[in-house]
Amino acid sequence: MEKKKAVKFDTDIYNTIRKNIKKYRKIKNITSAELSEMVNLSHDFIRQIESEKVAYNFSVDTFYKISVALGVSLDELIQKQEDD
Protein backbone atom coordinates (compact mmCIF):
# COMPACT_ATOMS: atom_id res chain seq x y z
CA MET A 1 0.00 0.00 0.00
CA GLU A 2 1.32 3.43 -0.99
CA LYS A 3 1.87 5.96 1.77
CA LYS A 4 -0.09 9.19 1.37
CA LYS A 5 1.84 12.41 1.08
CA ALA A 6 1.44 14.90 3.93
CA VAL A 7 -0.65 17.94 3.06
CA LYS A 8 1.13 21.26 3.44
CA PHE A 9 -1.01 24.11 4.75
CA ASP A 10 -0.35 27.84 4.74
CA THR A 11 -0.12 28.40 8.48
CA ASP A 12 -0.51 32.14 8.06
CA ILE A 13 -3.36 32.24 5.52
CA TYR A 14 -4.88 35.48 6.82
CA ASN A 15 -1.61 37.34 6.26
CA THR A 16 -1.31 35.84 2.77
CA ILE A 17 -4.82 37.07 1.97
CA ARG A 18 -4.15 40.51 3.51
CA LYS A 19 -1.03 40.99 1.41
CA ASN A 20 -2.83 39.90 -1.75
CA ILE A 21 -5.82 42.16 -1.15
CA LYS A 22 -3.48 45.12 -0.77
CA LYS A 23 -1.41 44.03 -3.79
CA TYR A 24 -4.39 43.66 -6.14
CA ARG A 25 -6.04 46.82 -4.82
CA LYS A 26 -2.90 48.78 -5.68
CA ILE A 27 -2.59 47.08 -9.10
CA LYS A 28 -6.18 48.16 -9.83
CA ASN A 29 -5.32 51.65 -8.56
CA ILE A 30 -8.16 51.56 -6.00
CA THR A 31 -7.85 53.22 -2.61
CA SER A 32 -8.93 51.38 0.51
CA ALA A 33 -11.75 53.95 0.84
CA GLU A 34 -12.95 53.15 -2.69
CA LEU A 35 -12.77 49.42 -1.99
CA SER A 36 -14.77 49.88 1.20
CA GLU A 37 -17.52 51.64 -0.77
CA MET A 38 -17.52 48.90 -3.43
CA VAL A 39 -18.07 46.14 -0.85
CA ASN A 40 -20.28 48.18 1.48
CA LEU A 41 -17.95 47.93 4.48
CA SER A 42 -16.36 50.67 6.55
CA HIS A 43 -13.06 52.16 5.47
CA ASP A 44 -11.64 51.36 8.91
CA PHE A 45 -12.62 47.70 8.51
CA ILE A 46 -10.83 47.44 5.14
CA ARG A 47 -7.73 49.07 6.65
CA GLN A 48 -7.83 46.55 9.50
CA ILE A 49 -8.10 43.65 7.06
CA GLU A 50 -5.01 44.89 5.19
CA SER A 51 -3.02 45.66 8.33
CA GLU A 52 -0.47 43.13 9.51
CA LYS A 53 -0.53 44.80 12.92
CA VAL A 54 -4.19 44.03 13.52
CA ALA A 55 -4.97 40.33 13.72
CA TYR A 56 -8.51 40.74 12.44
CA ASN A 57 -10.23 37.78 10.87
CA PHE A 58 -12.94 38.21 8.29
CA SER A 59 -15.77 36.14 6.92
CA VAL A 60 -15.92 34.14 3.71
CA ASP A 61 -18.63 36.56 2.57
CA THR A 62 -16.26 39.52 3.00
CA PHE A 63 -13.44 37.59 1.29
CA TYR A 64 -15.75 36.84 -1.66
CA LYS A 65 -17.01 40.43 -1.98
CA ILE A 66 -13.48 41.80 -2.01
CA SER A 67 -12.40 39.30 -4.69
CA VAL A 68 -15.34 40.32 -6.90
CA ALA A 69 -14.65 44.04 -6.35
CA LEU A 70 -10.99 43.56 -7.25
CA GLY A 71 -11.80 41.35 -10.22
CA VAL A 72 -9.60 38.50 -9.03
CA SER A 73 -10.40 34.92 -8.12
CA LEU A 74 -10.46 33.61 -4.58
CA ASP A 75 -7.54 31.40 -5.65
CA GLU A 76 -5.46 34.46 -6.50
CA LEU A 77 -6.14 35.97 -3.08
CA ILE A 78 -4.97 32.85 -1.25
CA GLN A 79 -1.90 32.27 -3.44
CA LYS A 80 1.28 32.54 -1.38
CA GLN A 81 3.72 34.97 -2.99
CA GLU A 82 7.27 33.99 -3.90
CA ASP A 83 8.78 36.53 -1.50
CA ASP A 84 6.75 35.30 1.50
PDB file of N, CA and C in Angstrom:
ATOM      1  N   MET A   1       0.840  -1.185   0.000  1.00  0.00           N
ATOM      2  CA  MET A   1       0.000   0.000   0.000  1.00  0.00           C
ATOM      3  C   MET A   1       0.888   1.253   0.000  1.00  0.00           C
ATOM      4  N   GLU A   2       0.533   2.205  -0.851  1.00  0.00           N
ATOM      5  CA  GLU A   2       1.315   3.428  -0.989  1.00  0.00           C
ATOM      6  C   GLU A   2       0.989   4.405   0.137  1.00  0.00           C
ATOM      7  N   LYS A   3       2.040   4.996   0.681  1.00  0.00           N
ATOM      8  CA  LYS A   3       1.873   5.958   1.766  1.00  0.00           C
ATOM      9  C   LYS A   3       1.406   7.298   1.188  1.00  0.00           C
ATOM     10  N   LYS A   4       0.424   7.896   1.822  1.00  0.00           N
ATOM     11  CA  LYS A   4      -0.093   9.194   1.369  1.00  0.00           C
ATOM     12  C   LYS A   4       0.863  10.301   1.755  1.00  0.00           C
ATOM     13  N   LYS A   5       0.979  11.259   0.857  1.00  0.00           N
ATOM     14  CA  LYS A   5       1.836  12.415   1.077  1.00  0.00           C
ATOM     15  C   LYS A   5       1.173  13.370   2.064  1.00  0.00           C
ATOM     16  N   ALA A   6       1.965  13.932   2.956  1.00  0.00           N
ATOM     17  CA  ALA A   6       1.442  14.896   3.927  1.00  0.00           C
ATOM     18  C   ALA A   6       0.999  16.164   3.202  1.00  0.00           C
ATOM     19  N   VAL A   7      -0.112  16.711   3.638  1.00  0.00           N
ATOM     20  CA  VAL A   7      -0.645  17.939   3.058  1.00  0.00           C
ATOM     21  C   VAL A   7       0.040  19.116   3.727  1.00  0.00           C
ATOM     22  N   LYS A   8       0.481  20.075   2.899  1.00  0.00           N
ATOM     23  CA  LYS A   8       1.132  21.263   3.436  1.00  0.00           C
ATOM     24  C   LYS A   8       0.129  22.417   3.440  1.00  0.00           C
ATOM     25  N   PHE A   9      -0.068  23.007   4.592  1.00  0.00           N
ATOM     26  CA  PHE A   9      -1.009  24.109   4.747  1.00  0.00           C
ATOM     27  C   PHE A   9      -0.254  25.422   4.935  1.00  0.00           C
ATOM     28  N   ASP A  10      -0.864  26.504   4.472  1.00  0.00           N
ATOM     29  CA  ASP A  10      -0.351  27.839   4.744  1.00  0.00           C
ATOM     30  C   ASP A  10      -0.762  28.161   6.177  1.00  0.00           C
ATOM     31  N   THR A  11       0.195  28.189   7.063  1.00  0.00           N
ATOM     32  CA  THR A  11      -0.118  28.396   8.481  1.00  0.00           C
ATOM     33  C   THR A  11      -0.422  29.857   8.811  1.00  0.00           C
ATOM     34  N   ASP A  12      -0.240  30.719   7.845  1.00  0.00           N
ATOM     35  CA  ASP A  12      -0.505  32.140   8.055  1.00  0.00           C
ATOM     36  C   ASP A  12      -1.413  32.663   6.938  1.00  0.00           C
ATOM     37  N   ILE A  13      -2.488  31.951   6.675  1.00  0.00           N
ATOM     38  CA  ILE A  13      -3.358  32.237   5.525  1.00  0.00           C
ATOM     39  C   ILE A  13      -3.951  33.641   5.567  1.00  0.00           C
ATOM     40  N   TYR A  14      -4.303  34.126   6.750  1.00  0.00           N
ATOM     41  CA  TYR A  14      -4.878  35.481   6.816  1.00  0.00           C
ATOM     42  C   TYR A  14      -3.874  36.529   6.350  1.00  0.00           C
ATOM     43  N   ASN A  15      -2.610  36.378   6.716  1.00  0.00           N
ATOM     44  CA  ASN A  15      -1.608  37.338   6.260  1.00  0.00           C
ATOM     45  C   ASN A  15      -1.382  37.231   4.755  1.00  0.00           C
ATOM     46  N   THR A  16      -1.428  36.024   4.220  1.00  0.00           N
ATOM     47  CA  THR A  16      -1.313  35.845   2.772  1.00  0.00           C
ATOM     48  C   THR A  16      -2.445  36.578   2.071  1.00  0.00           C
ATOM     49  N   ILE A  17      -3.658  36.412   2.569  1.00  0.00           N
ATOM     50  CA  ILE A  17      -4.824  37.071   1.967  1.00  0.00           C
ATOM     51  C   ILE A  17      -4.704  38.582   2.111  1.00  0.00           C
ATOM     52  N   ARG A  18      -4.313  39.057   3.279  1.00  0.00           N
ATOM     53  CA  ARG A  18      -4.146  40.507   3.513  1.00  0.00           C
ATOM     54  C   ARG A  18      -3.191  41.119   2.491  1.00  0.00           C
ATOM     55  N   LYS A  19      -2.041  40.485   2.337  1.00  0.00           N
ATOM     56  CA  LYS A  19      -1.029  40.992   1.407  1.00  0.00           C
ATOM     57  C   LYS A  19      -1.564  41.015  -0.019  1.00  0.00           C
ATOM     58  N   ASN A  20      -2.295  39.971  -0.388  1.00  0.00           N
ATOM     59  CA  ASN A  20      -2.828  39.896  -1.747  1.00  0.00           C
ATOM     60  C   ASN A  20      -3.943  40.905  -1.985  1.00  0.00           C
ATOM     61  N   ILE A  21      -4.779  41.139  -1.004  1.00  0.00           N
ATOM     62  CA  ILE A  21      -5.825  42.161  -1.147  1.00  0.00           C
ATOM     63  C   ILE A  21      -5.163  43.511  -1.411  1.00  0.00           C
ATOM     64  N   LYS A  22      -4.180  43.839  -0.602  1.00  0.00           N
ATOM     65  CA  LYS A  22      -3.479  45.118  -0.767  1.00  0.00           C
ATOM     66  C   LYS A  22      -2.775  45.184  -2.124  1.00  0.00           C
ATOM     67  N   LYS A  23      -2.125  44.097  -2.506  1.00  0.00           N
ATOM     68  CA  LYS A  23      -1.413  44.032  -3.787  1.00  0.00           C
ATOM     69  C   LYS A  23      -2.359  44.276  -4.956  1.00  0.00           C
ATOM     70  N   TYR A  24      -3.466  43.532  -5.017  1.00  0.00           N
ATOM     71  CA  TYR A  24      -4.390  43.659  -6.135  1.00  0.00           C
ATOM     72  C   TYR A  24      -5.145  44.989  -6.106  1.00  0.00           C
ATOM     73  N   ARG A  25      -5.399  45.506  -4.924  1.00  0.00           N
ATOM     74  CA  ARG A  25      -6.041  46.822  -4.818  1.00  0.00           C
ATOM     75  C   ARG A  25      -5.134  47.886  -5.432  1.00  0.00           C
ATOM     76  N   LYS A  26      -3.849  47.807  -5.132  1.00  0.00           N
ATOM     77  CA  LYS A  26      -2.895  48.780  -5.680  1.00  0.00           C
ATOM     78  C   LYS A  26      -2.718  48.594  -7.191  1.00  0.00           C
ATOM     79  N   ILE A  27      -2.688  47.352  -7.653  1.00  0.00           N
ATOM     80  CA  ILE A  27      -2.592  47.082  -9.096  1.00  0.00           C
ATOM     81  C   ILE A  27      -3.777  47.699  -9.830  1.00  0.00           C
ATOM     82  N   LYS A  28      -4.963  47.602  -9.232  1.00  0.00           N
ATOM     83  CA  LYS A  28      -6.182  48.156  -9.831  1.00  0.00           C
ATOM     84  C   LYS A  28      -6.300  49.661  -9.602  1.00  0.00           C
ATOM     85  N   ASN A  29      -5.331  50.222  -8.857  1.00  0.00           N
ATOM     86  CA  ASN A  29      -5.325  51.650  -8.556  1.00  0.00           C
ATOM     87  C   ASN A  29      -6.605  52.085  -7.829  1.00  0.00           C
ATOM     88  N   ILE A  30      -6.970  51.293  -6.824  1.00  0.00           N
ATOM     89  CA  ILE A  30      -8.164  51.557  -6.003  1.00  0.00           C
ATOM     90  C   ILE A  30      -7.686  51.866  -4.586  1.00  0.00           C
ATOM     91  N   THR A  31      -8.193  52.918  -4.004  1.00  0.00           N
ATOM     92  CA  THR A  31      -7.850  53.223  -2.612  1.00  0.00           C
ATOM     93  C   THR A  31      -8.635  52.297  -1.684  1.00  0.00           C
ATOM     94  N   SER A  32      -8.189  52.205  -0.454  1.00  0.00           N
ATOM     95  CA  SER A  32      -8.932  51.384   0.512  1.00  0.00           C
ATOM     96  C   SER A  32     -10.316  51.982   0.762  1.00  0.00           C
ATOM     97  N   ALA A  33     -10.437  53.300   0.676  1.00  0.00           N
ATOM     98  CA  ALA A  33     -11.750  53.949   0.839  1.00  0.00           C
ATOM     99  C   ALA A  33     -12.676  53.561  -0.316  1.00  0.00           C
ATOM    100  N   GLU A  34     -12.139  53.539  -1.527  1.00  0.00           N
ATOM    101  CA  GLU A  34     -12.952  53.147  -2.686  1.00  0.00           C
ATOM    102  C   GLU A  34     -13.371  51.683  -2.589  1.00  0.00           C
ATOM    103  N   LEU A  35     -12.440  50.827  -2.163  1.00  0.00           N
ATOM    104  CA  LEU A  35     -12.772  49.416  -1.995  1.00  0.00           C
ATOM    105  C   LEU A  35     -13.861  49.245  -0.942  1.00  0.00           C
ATOM    106  N   SER A  36     -13.764  49.997   0.138  1.00  0.00           N
ATOM    107  CA  SER A  36     -14.767  49.884   1.198  1.00  0.00           C
ATOM    108  C   SER A  36     -16.162  50.243   0.685  1.00  0.00           C
ATOM    109  N   GLU A  37     -16.238  51.259  -0.177  1.00  0.00           N
ATOM    110  CA  GLU A  37     -17.522  51.635  -0.771  1.00  0.00           C
ATOM    111  C   GLU A  37     -18.033  50.547  -1.709  1.00  0.00           C
ATOM    112  N   MET A  38     -17.132  49.933  -2.471  1.00  0.00           N
ATOM    113  CA  MET A  38     -17.516  48.898  -3.430  1.00  0.00           C
ATOM    114  C   MET A  38     -18.109  47.677  -2.740  1.00  0.00           C
ATOM    115  N   VAL A  39     -17.609  47.350  -1.557  1.00  0.00           N
ATOM    116  CA  VAL A  39     -18.070  46.144  -0.854  1.00  0.00           C
ATOM    117  C   VAL A  39     -19.000  46.460   0.314  1.00  0.00           C
ATOM    118  N   ASN A  40     -19.338  47.749   0.456  1.00  0.00           N
ATOM    119  CA  ASN A  40     -20.277  48.184   1.483  1.00  0.00           C
ATOM    120  C   ASN A  40     -19.811  47.830   2.906  1.00  0.00           C
ATOM    121  N   LEU A  41     -18.526  48.106   3.155  1.00  0.00           N
ATOM    122  CA  LEU A  41     -17.952  47.925   4.483  1.00  0.00           C
ATOM    123  C   LEU A  41     -17.250  49.228   4.861  1.00  0.00           C
ATOM    124  N   SER A  42     -16.993  49.422   6.131  1.00  0.00           N
ATOM    125  CA  SER A  42     -16.363  50.669   6.553  1.00  0.00           C
ATOM    126  C   SER A  42     -14.906  50.721   6.092  1.00  0.00           C
ATOM    127  N   HIS A  43     -14.446  51.943   5.876  1.00  0.00           N
ATOM    128  CA  HIS A  43     -13.056  52.159   5.474  1.00  0.00           C
ATOM    129  C   HIS A  43     -12.120  51.621   6.547  1.00  0.00           C
ATOM    130  N   ASP A  44     -12.459  51.840   7.802  1.00  0.00           N
ATOM    131  CA  ASP A  44     -11.639  51.357   8.908  1.00  0.00           C
ATOM    132  C   ASP A  44     -11.529  49.837   8.887  1.00  0.00           C
ATOM    133  N   PHE A  45     -12.623  49.164   8.567  1.00  0.00           N
ATOM    134  CA  PHE A  45     -12.619  47.698   8.513  1.00  0.00           C
ATOM    135  C   PHE A  45     -11.683  47.205   7.415  1.00  0.00           C
ATOM    136  N   ILE A  46     -11.715  47.827   6.246  1.00  0.00           N
ATOM    137  CA  ILE A  46     -10.827  47.442   5.140  1.00  0.00           C
ATOM    138  C   ILE A  46      -9.368  47.680   5.547  1.00  0.00           C
ATOM    139  N   ARG A  47      -9.093  48.792   6.180  1.00  0.00           N
ATOM    140  CA  ARG A  47      -7.728  49.067   6.647  1.00  0.00           C
ATOM    141  C   ARG A  47      -7.276  48.020   7.658  1.00  0.00           C
ATOM    142  N   GLN A  48      -8.173  47.584   8.525  1.00  0.00           N
ATOM    143  CA  GLN A  48      -7.829  46.552   9.503  1.00  0.00           C
ATOM    144  C   GLN A  48      -7.539  45.222   8.808  1.00  0.00           C
ATOM    145  N   ILE A  49      -8.328  44.901   7.797  1.00  0.00           N
ATOM    146  CA  ILE A  49      -8.101  43.655   7.056  1.00  0.00           C
ATOM    147  C   ILE A  49      -6.699  43.670   6.431  1.00  0.00           C
ATOM    148  N   GLU A  50      -6.308  44.789   5.872  1.00  0.00           N
ATOM    149  CA  GLU A  50      -5.009  44.887   5.189  1.00  0.00           C
ATOM    150  C   GLU A  50      -3.831  45.032   6.150  1.00  0.00           C
ATOM    151  N   SER A  51      -4.093  45.404   7.373  1.00  0.00           N
ATOM    152  CA  SER A  51      -3.023  45.658   8.330  1.00  0.00           C
ATOM    153  C   SER A  51      -2.447  44.363   8.891  1.00  0.00           C
ATOM    154  N   GLU A  52      -1.129  44.277   8.899  1.00  0.00           N
ATOM    155  CA  GLU A  52      -0.466  43.125   9.512  1.00  0.00           C
ATOM    156  C   GLU A  52      -0.368  43.299  11.026  1.00  0.00           C
ATOM    157  N   LYS A  53      -0.608  44.514  11.491  1.00  0.00           N
ATOM    158  CA  LYS A  53      -0.526  44.800  12.921  1.00  0.00           C
ATOM    159  C   LYS A  53      -1.802  44.402  13.652  1.00  0.00           C
ATOM    160  N   VAL A  54      -2.901  44.360  12.921  1.00  0.00           N
ATOM    161  CA  VAL A  54      -4.193  44.026  13.521  1.00  0.00           C
ATOM    162  C   VAL A  54      -4.568  42.618  13.088  1.00  0.00           C
ATOM    163  N   ALA A  55      -4.628  41.719  14.033  1.00  0.00           N
ATOM    164  CA  ALA A  55      -4.967  40.332  13.716  1.00  0.00           C
ATOM    165  C   ALA A  55      -6.481  40.179  13.626  1.00  0.00           C
ATOM    166  N   TYR A  56      -7.060  40.757  12.585  1.00  0.00           N
ATOM    167  CA  TYR A  56      -8.509  40.739  12.444  1.00  0.00           C
ATOM    168  C   TYR A  56      -8.913  39.725  11.397  1.00  0.00           C
ATOM    169  N   ASN A  57      -9.724  38.788  11.791  1.00  0.00           N
ATOM    170  CA  ASN A  57     -10.225  37.784  10.868  1.00  0.00           C
ATOM    171  C   ASN A  57     -11.486  38.297  10.196  1.00  0.00           C
ATOM    172  N   PHE A  58     -11.785  37.761   9.043  1.00  0.00           N
ATOM    173  CA  PHE A  58     -12.938  38.211   8.287  1.00  0.00           C
ATOM    174  C   PHE A  58     -13.673  37.007   7.722  1.00  0.00           C
ATOM    175  N   SER A  59     -14.916  37.234   7.358  1.00  0.00           N
ATOM    176  CA  SER A  59     -15.774  36.136   6.917  1.00  0.00           C
ATOM    177  C   SER A  59     -15.508  35.754   5.464  1.00  0.00           C
ATOM    178  N   VAL A  60     -15.993  34.595   5.092  1.00  0.00           N
ATOM    179  CA  VAL A  60     -15.920  34.138   3.707  1.00  0.00           C
ATOM    180  C   VAL A  60     -16.707  35.098   2.820  1.00  0.00           C
ATOM    181  N   ASP A  61     -17.813  35.605   3.316  1.00  0.00           N
ATOM    182  CA  ASP A  61     -18.628  36.563   2.567  1.00  0.00           C
ATOM    183  C   ASP A  61     -17.814  37.818   2.237  1.00  0.00           C
ATOM    184  N   THR A  62     -17.103  38.348   3.210  1.00  0.00           N
ATOM    185  CA  THR A  62     -16.255  39.524   3.000  1.00  0.00           C
ATOM    186  C   THR A  62     -15.143  39.203   2.011  1.00  0.00           C
ATOM    187  N   PHE A  63     -14.505  38.063   2.178  1.00  0.00           N
ATOM    188  CA  PHE A  63     -13.442  37.593   1.292  1.00  0.00           C
ATOM    189  C   PHE A  63     -13.953  37.520  -0.152  1.00  0.00           C
ATOM    190  N   TYR A  64     -15.140  36.955  -0.333  1.00  0.00           N
ATOM    191  CA  TYR A  64     -15.746  36.838  -1.658  1.00  0.00           C
ATOM    192  C   TYR A  64     -16.050  38.214  -2.262  1.00  0.00           C
ATOM    193  N   LYS A  65     -16.666  39.098  -1.484  1.00  0.00           N
ATOM    194  CA  LYS A  65     -17.012  40.435  -1.980  1.00  0.00           C
ATOM    195  C   LYS A  65     -15.776  41.207  -2.424  1.00  0.00           C
ATOM    196  N   ILE A  66     -14.713  41.101  -1.652  1.00  0.00           N
ATOM    197  CA  ILE A  66     -13.475  41.795  -2.006  1.00  0.00           C
ATOM    198  C   ILE A  66     -12.902  41.226  -3.300  1.00  0.00           C
ATOM    199  N   SER A  67     -12.931  39.914  -3.458  1.00  0.00           N
ATOM    200  CA  SER A  67     -12.400  39.305  -4.686  1.00  0.00           C
ATOM    201  C   SER A  67     -13.184  39.769  -5.906  1.00  0.00           C
ATOM    202  N   VAL A  68     -14.499  39.857  -5.784  1.00  0.00           N
ATOM    203  CA  VAL A  68     -15.340  40.324  -6.898  1.00  0.00           C
ATOM    204  C   VAL A  68     -15.020  41.790  -7.202  1.00  0.00           C
ATOM    205  N   ALA A  69     -14.934  42.610  -6.162  1.00  0.00           N
ATOM    206  CA  ALA A  69     -14.655  44.040  -6.351  1.00  0.00           C
ATOM    207  C   ALA A  69     -13.293  44.264  -7.013  1.00  0.00           C
ATOM    208  N   LEU A  70     -12.319  43.426  -6.673  1.00  0.00           N
ATOM    209  CA  LEU A  70     -10.986  43.564  -7.248  1.00  0.00           C
ATOM    210  C   LEU A  70     -10.849  42.869  -8.602  1.00  0.00           C
ATOM    211  N   GLY A  71     -11.843  42.055  -8.948  1.00  0.00           N
ATOM    212  CA  GLY A  71     -11.803  41.348 -10.225  1.00  0.00           C
ATOM    213  C   GLY A  71     -10.773  40.230 -10.262  1.00  0.00           C
ATOM    214  N   VAL A  72     -10.539  39.626  -9.109  1.00  0.00           N
ATOM    215  CA  VAL A  72      -9.602  38.500  -9.034  1.00  0.00           C
ATOM    216  C   VAL A  72     -10.311  37.304  -8.404  1.00  0.00           C
ATOM    217  N   SER A  73      -9.794  36.122  -8.679  1.00  0.00           N
ATOM    218  CA  SER A  73     -10.403  34.919  -8.123  1.00  0.00           C
ATOM    219  C   SER A  73     -10.015  34.745  -6.659  1.00  0.00           C
ATOM    220  N   LEU A  74     -10.801  33.949  -5.967  1.00  0.00           N
ATOM    221  CA  LEU A  74     -10.459  33.615  -4.583  1.00  0.00           C
ATOM    222  C   LEU A  74      -9.107  32.914  -4.546  1.00  0.00           C
ATOM    223  N   ASP A  75      -8.834  32.087  -5.563  1.00  0.00           N
ATOM    224  CA  ASP A  75      -7.538  31.397  -5.654  1.00  0.00           C
ATOM    225  C   ASP A  75      -6.375  32.382  -5.673  1.00  0.00           C
ATOM    226  N   GLU A  76      -6.532  33.470  -6.418  1.00  0.00           N
ATOM    227  CA  GLU A  76      -5.461  34.465  -6.499  1.00  0.00           C
ATOM    228  C   GLU A  76      -5.224  35.131  -5.150  1.00  0.00           C
ATOM    229  N   LEU A  77      -6.288  35.316  -4.389  1.00  0.00           N
ATOM    230  CA  LEU A  77      -6.142  35.969  -3.083  1.00  0.00           C
ATOM    231  C   LEU A  77      -5.524  35.060  -2.029  1.00  0.00           C
ATOM    232  N   ILE A  78      -5.585  33.750  -2.236  1.00  0.00           N
ATOM    233  CA  ILE A  78      -4.975  32.846  -1.253  1.00  0.00           C
ATOM    234  C   ILE A  78      -3.609  32.332  -1.698  1.00  0.00           C
ATOM    235  N   GLN A  79      -3.172  32.730  -2.892  1.00  0.00           N
ATOM    236  CA  GLN A  79      -1.899  32.265  -3.443  1.00  0.00           C
ATOM    237  C   GLN A  79      -0.734  32.896  -2.687  1.00  0.00           C
ATOM    238  N   LYS A  80       0.092  32.053  -2.085  1.00  0.00           N
ATOM    239  CA  LYS A  80       1.283  32.540  -1.375  1.00  0.00           C
ATOM    240  C   LYS A  80       2.252  33.129  -2.398  1.00  0.00           C
ATOM    241  N   GLN A  81       2.790  34.292  -2.086  1.00  0.00           N
ATOM    242  CA  GLN A  81       3.719  34.973  -2.989  1.00  0.00           C
ATOM    243  C   GLN A  81       5.123  34.397  -2.835  1.00  0.00           C
ATOM    244  N   GLU A  82       5.896  34.510  -3.881  1.00  0.00           N
ATOM    245  CA  GLU A  82       7.269  33.988  -3.901  1.00  0.00           C
ATOM    246  C   GLU A  82       8.141  34.565  -2.793  1.00  0.00           C
ATOM    247  N   ASP A  83       7.931  35.853  -2.495  1.00  0.00           N
ATOM    248  CA  ASP A  83       8.779  36.529  -1.505  1.00  0.00           C
ATOM    249  C   ASP A  83       8.332  36.309  -0.064  1.00  0.00           C
ATOM    250  N   ASP A  84       7.256  35.545   0.140  1.00  0.00           N
ATOM    251  CA  ASP A  84       6.749  35.300   1.505  1.00  0.00           C
ATOM    252  C   ASP A  84       7.516  34.184   2.185  1.00  0.00           C
TER     253      ASP A  84
END
